C-alpha atoms as a PDB file:
ATOM      1  CA  MET A   1      -0.091   0.175  -0.182  1.00  0.00           C
ATOM      2  CA  PRO A   2       1.708   3.395  -0.825  1.00  0.00           C
ATOM      3  CA  ASP A   3       2.397   5.699   1.957  1.00  0.00           C
ATOM      4  CA  GLU A   4       0.083   8.685   0.832  1.00  0.00           C
ATOM      5  CA  LYS A   5      -2.898   6.423   1.342  1.00  0.00           C
ATOM      6  CA  LEU A   6      -2.051   5.807   4.638  1.00  0.00           C
ATOM      7  CA  ASP A   7      -4.943   7.938   7.725  1.00  0.00           C
ATOM      8  CA  PRO A   8      -2.518  10.152   9.572  1.00  0.00           C
ATOM      9  CA  LYS A   9      -4.499   9.875  12.550  1.00  0.00           C
ATOM     10  CA  LYS A  10      -3.949   5.592  12.657  1.00  0.00           C
ATOM     11  CA  ILE A  11       0.072   6.882  12.283  1.00  0.00           C
ATOM     12  CA  ILE A  12      -0.100   8.405  15.231  1.00  0.00           C
ATOM     13  CA  GLU A  13      -1.546   5.470  16.992  1.00  0.00           C
ATOM     14  CA  ALA A  14       0.594   3.117  15.374  1.00  0.00           C
ATOM     15  CA  ALA A  15       3.486   5.439  16.599  1.00  0.00           C
ATOM     16  CA  LEU A  16       2.452   5.876  20.263  1.00  0.00           C
ATOM     17  CA  PHE A  17       1.568   2.032  20.301  1.00  0.00           C
ATOM     18  CA  MET A  18       5.195   0.976  19.142  1.00  0.00           C
ATOM     19  CA  SER A  19       7.390   3.501  21.119  1.00  0.00           C
ATOM     20  CA  GLN A  20       8.239   2.784  24.803  1.00  0.00           C
ATOM     21  CA  ASN A  21       8.673   6.315  25.577  1.00  0.00           C
ATOM     22  CA  TYR A  22       6.450   9.554  25.438  1.00  0.00           C
ATOM     23  CA  ILE A  23       6.336  10.524  21.940  1.00  0.00           C
ATOM     24  CA  GLY A  24       6.032  14.842  21.243  1.00  0.00           C
ATOM     25  CA  ILE A  25       4.291  16.683  18.494  1.00  0.00           C
ATOM     26  CA  ASP A  26       7.101  17.025  16.506  1.00  0.00           C
ATOM     27  CA  GLU A  27       8.536  13.808  16.664  1.00  0.00           C
ATOM     28  CA  LEU A  28       4.503  12.748  15.507  1.00  0.00           C
ATOM     29  CA  GLY A  29       4.469  15.129  12.831  1.00  0.00           C
ATOM     30  CA  LYS A  30       7.730  13.974  11.220  1.00  0.00           C
ATOM     31  CA  VAL A  31       6.310  10.083  11.190  1.00  0.00           C
ATOM     32  CA  THR A  32       3.121  11.435   9.775  1.00  0.00           C
ATOM     33  CA  GLY A  33       5.012  13.714   7.484  1.00  0.00           C
ATOM     34  CA  ILE A  34       2.611  16.351   8.937  1.00  0.00           C
ATOM     35  CA  ALA A  35       3.940  19.728   9.202  1.00  0.00           C
ATOM     36  CA  SER A  36       1.347  21.766  11.308  1.00  0.00           C
ATOM     37  CA  PRO A  37       1.581  21.385  14.966  1.00  0.00           C
ATOM     38  CA  GLY A  38      -2.173  22.293  15.583  1.00  0.00           C
ATOM     39  CA  HIS A  39      -2.814  19.449  13.299  1.00  0.00           C
ATOM     40  CA  ILE A  40      -1.283  17.114  14.946  1.00  0.00           C
ATOM     41  CA  GLU A  41      -2.726  18.238  18.101  1.00  0.00           C
ATOM     42  CA  LYS A  42      -6.517  18.060  16.640  1.00  0.00           C
ATOM     43  CA  MET A  43      -5.940  14.498  16.258  1.00  0.00           C
ATOM     44  CA  LEU A  44      -3.877  13.721  18.829  1.00  0.00           C
ATOM     45  CA  ASN A  45      -7.414  15.256  21.040  1.00  0.00           C
ATOM     46  CA  GLU A  46      -9.811  13.049  18.939  1.00  0.00           C
ATOM     47  CA  LEU A  47      -7.745   9.784  19.324  1.00  0.00           C
ATOM     48  CA  MET A  48      -7.598  10.683  23.013  1.00  0.00           C
ATOM     49  CA  GLU A  49     -11.627  11.164  22.988  1.00  0.00           C
ATOM     50  CA  GLN A  50     -12.229   8.108  21.304  1.00  0.00           C
ATOM     51  CA  TYR A  51     -10.093   5.781  23.413  1.00  0.00           C
ATOM     52  CA  ARG A  52     -11.392   7.876  26.757  1.00  0.00           C
ATOM     53  CA  ASN A  53     -15.107   7.267  25.705  1.00  0.00           C
ATOM     54  CA  GLY A  54     -14.140   3.768  23.594  1.00  0.00           C
ATOM     55  CA  ASP A  55     -14.965   0.595  25.015  1.00  0.00           C
ATOM     56  CA  THR A  56     -11.121  -0.423  25.552  1.00  0.00           C
ATOM     57  CA  ALA A  57      -8.935  -0.968  28.125  1.00  0.00           C
ATOM     58  CA  LEU A  58      -6.404   1.711  26.583  1.00  0.00           C
ATOM     59  CA  GLU A  59      -6.256   5.419  26.926  1.00  0.00           C
ATOM     60  CA  ILE A  60      -3.867   8.019  25.494  1.00  0.00           C
ATOM     61  CA  VAL A  61      -2.089  10.245  28.055  1.00  0.00           C
ATOM     62  CA  GLU A  62      -0.165  13.135  27.869  1.00  0.00           C
ATOM     63  CA  ILE A  63       2.791  14.008  30.493  1.00  0.00           C
ATOM     64  CA  GLY A  64       4.901  17.131  29.846  1.00  0.00           C
ATOM     65  CA  GLY A  65       3.263  18.055  25.931  1.00  0.00           C
ATOM     66  CA  LYS A  66       4.463  14.127  24.883  1.00  0.00           C
ATOM     67  CA  TYR A  67       1.843  11.183  24.581  1.00  0.00           C
ATOM     68  CA  SER A  68       1.910   7.587  25.179  1.00  0.00           C
ATOM     69  CA  PHE A  69      -0.834   4.964  25.018  1.00  0.00           C
ATOM     70  CA  THR A  70      -1.623   3.657  29.106  1.00  0.00           C
ATOM     71  CA  LEU A  71      -4.048   1.349  30.682  1.00  0.00           C
ATOM     72  CA  LYS A  72      -7.364   2.611  32.209  1.00  0.00           C
ATOM     73  CA  GLU A  73      -8.308   1.709  36.054  1.00  0.00           C
ATOM     74  CA  PRO A  74      -9.159  -0.518  37.088  1.00  0.00           C
ATOM     75  CA  TYR A  75      -7.509  -2.504  34.629  1.00  0.00           C
ATOM     76  CA  LEU A  76      -3.929  -1.328  34.826  1.00  0.00           C
ATOM     77  CA  SER A  77      -3.810  -2.329  38.743  1.00  0.00           C
ATOM     78  CA  ARG A  78      -5.110  -5.555  37.770  1.00  0.00           C
ATOM     79  CA  VAL A  79      -2.306  -6.619  35.358  1.00  0.00           C
ATOM     80  CA  ASN A  80       0.752  -4.226  36.377  1.00  0.00           C
ATOM     81  CA  SER A  81       2.550  -7.278  37.781  1.00  0.00           C
ATOM     82  CA  LEU A  82       3.076  -8.626  34.095  1.00  0.00           C
ATOM     83  CA  ALA A  83       5.034  -5.294  33.430  1.00  0.00           C
ATOM     84  CA  PRO A  84       8.929  -5.645  33.787  1.00  0.00           C
ATOM     85  CA  THR A  85      10.348  -3.850  36.955  1.00  0.00           C
ATOM     86  CA  PRO A  86      13.855  -2.355  37.503  1.00  0.00           C
ATOM     87  CA  GLU A  87      15.764  -4.030  40.075  1.00  0.00           C
ATOM     88  CA  ILE A  88      15.598  -0.739  42.536  1.00  0.00           C
ATOM     89  CA  SER A  89      16.541  -1.686  46.404  1.00  0.00           C
ATOM     90  CA  LYS A  90      13.898  -1.564  48.799  1.00  0.00           C
ATOM     91  CA  GLY A  91      15.997   1.723  50.620  1.00  0.00           C
ATOM     92  CA  ALA A  92      15.390   2.965  47.421  1.00  0.00           C
ATOM     93  CA  LEU A  93      12.096   2.612  46.765  1.00  0.00           C
ATOM     94  CA  LYS A  94      10.921   4.175  49.911  1.00  0.00           C
ATOM     95  CA  ILE A  95      12.543   7.408  49.157  1.00  0.00           C
ATOM     96  CA  LEU A  96      11.715   7.450  45.605  1.00  0.00           C
ATOM     97  CA  ALA A  97       8.048   7.201  46.746  1.00  0.00           C
ATOM     98  CA  TYR A  98       8.424   9.833  49.221  1.00  0.00           C
ATOM     99  CA  ILE A  99      10.141  12.109  46.721  1.00  0.00           C
ATOM    100  CA  SER A 100       6.799  11.329  44.447  1.00  0.00           C
ATOM    101  CA  LYS A 101       4.861  12.196  47.096  1.00  0.00           C
ATOM    102  CA  ASN A 102       7.072  15.667  48.440  1.00  0.00           C
ATOM    103  CA  GLU A 103       8.288  17.528  44.819  1.00  0.00           C
ATOM    104  CA  ASN A 104      11.472  19.415  44.901  1.00  0.00           C
ATOM    105  CA  VAL A 105      12.002  18.049  48.329  1.00  0.00           C
ATOM    106  CA  MET A 106      15.965  19.128  49.901  1.00  0.00           C
ATOM    107  CA  GLN A 107      18.184  16.408  50.426  1.00  0.00           C
ATOM    108  CA  SER A 108      19.049  17.527  53.188  1.00  0.00           C
ATOM    109  CA  GLU A 109      15.478  17.244  54.873  1.00  0.00           C
ATOM    110  CA  LEU A 110      15.661  13.538  53.202  1.00  0.00           C
ATOM    111  CA  VAL A 111      19.329  12.553  55.253  1.00  0.00           C
ATOM    112  CA  LYS A 112      17.391  13.525  58.581  1.00  0.00           C
ATOM    113  CA  ILE A 113      14.009  11.202  57.709  1.00  0.00           C
ATOM    114  CA  PHE A 114      15.965   8.220  56.269  1.00  0.00           C
ATOM    115  CA  GLY A 115      19.709   8.515  57.818  1.00  0.00           C
ATOM    116  CA  GLU A 116      23.553   9.085  55.986  1.00  0.00           C
ATOM    117  CA  THR A 117      22.375   5.839  53.659  1.00  0.00           C
ATOM    118  CA  THR A 118      19.996   8.489  51.646  1.00  0.00           C
ATOM    119  CA  TYR A 119      23.393   9.457  49.420  1.00  0.00           C
ATOM    120  CA  GLU A 120      23.500   5.641  47.585  1.00  0.00           C
ATOM    121  CA  TYR A 121      20.189   5.370  47.398  1.00  0.00           C
ATOM    122  CA  ILE A 122      19.663   8.984  45.887  1.00  0.00           C
ATOM    123  CA  ARG A 123      22.766   7.926  43.862  1.00  0.00           C
ATOM    124  CA  GLU A 124      20.943   4.662  42.509  1.00  0.00           C
ATOM    125  CA  LEU A 125      17.987   6.858  41.508  1.00  0.00           C
ATOM    126  CA  ARG A 126      19.781   9.021  39.458  1.00  0.00           C
ATOM    127  CA  GLU A 127      21.645   6.611  38.076  1.00  0.00           C
ATOM    128  CA  LYS A 128      18.641   4.801  37.042  1.00  0.00           C
ATOM    129  CA  GLU A 129      17.308   8.471  36.587  1.00  0.00           C
ATOM    130  CA  PHE A 130      13.935   8.331  37.839  1.00  0.00           C
ATOM    131  CA  VAL A 131      14.933  11.298  39.926  1.00  0.00           C
ATOM    132  CA  GLU A 132      17.092  14.741  39.428  1.00  0.00           C
ATOM    133  CA  ALA A 133      18.962  16.601  41.963  1.00  0.00           C
ATOM    134  CA  LYS A 134      19.348  20.949  41.379  1.00  0.00           C
ATOM    135  CA  LYS A 135      21.853  22.277  43.660  1.00  0.00           C
ATOM    136  CA  TYR A 136      20.388  24.552  46.192  1.00  0.00           C
ATOM    137  CA  GLY A 137      22.682  26.422  48.052  1.00  0.00           C
ATOM    138  CA  ARG A 138      24.992  23.829  50.091  1.00  0.00           C
ATOM    139  CA  SER A 139      22.020  21.210  49.354  1.00  0.00           C
ATOM    140  CA  ARG A 140      20.293  19.652  46.702  1.00  0.00           C
ATOM    141  CA  LYS A 141      16.456  19.958  45.576  1.00  0.00           C
ATOM    142  CA  ILE A 142      15.712  16.132  44.451  1.00  0.00           C
ATOM    143  CA  ALA A 143      12.448  15.637  42.322  1.00  0.00           C
ATOM    144  CA  THR A 144      10.636  12.945  40.145  1.00  0.00           C
ATOM    145  CA  THR A 145      12.071  12.634  36.684  1.00  0.00           C
ATOM    146  CA  LEU A 146       9.789  12.281  33.397  1.00  0.00           C
ATOM    147  CA  LYS A 147      10.859   8.813  33.112  1.00  0.00           C
ATOM    148  CA  PHE A 148       9.767   8.088  36.610  1.00  0.00           C
ATOM    149  CA  LYS A 149       6.298   9.477  35.532  1.00  0.00           C
ATOM    150  CA  GLU A 150       6.528   7.438  32.446  1.00  0.00           C
ATOM    151  CA  TYR A 151       7.775   4.649  33.947  1.00  0.00           C
ATOM    152  CA  PHE A 152       5.377   4.341  37.209  1.00  0.00           C
ATOM    153  CA  GLY A 153       1.962   5.845  34.840  1.00  0.00           C
ATOM    154  CA  VAL A 154       1.855   8.854  37.182  1.00  0.00           C
END
């Protein structure tokens, strides 16, 4: 089938399905061959509405101007155990949970709460790209990343 016969909205749907990462408007424009961001956004909104109201376990979500497929609740919690998970130590997972509830928390506060091993756990979480640390005075502000949000469906 020649490319010019392909429906651009279905190309967007296929791109979202195939990608393991969230995709931005620019990238969707490249794969569809459509230069107008407004036109891409219009098709995305139509697809999002279609999946939101459709009889399907899937939905399209937007985080930080990027889009991806995910599962609607209660299907997500029912099958979440089937998804591969990265090896994260229990201590790092506790700290990650705290950080996700308290965005831009000071590293010094984490050390007071969780102890000196916090530095090791923060290093682990930064290596896995789940948190970022930005210098702030003599300490650092710790926040979750887009990768964290994508991976955990936040």
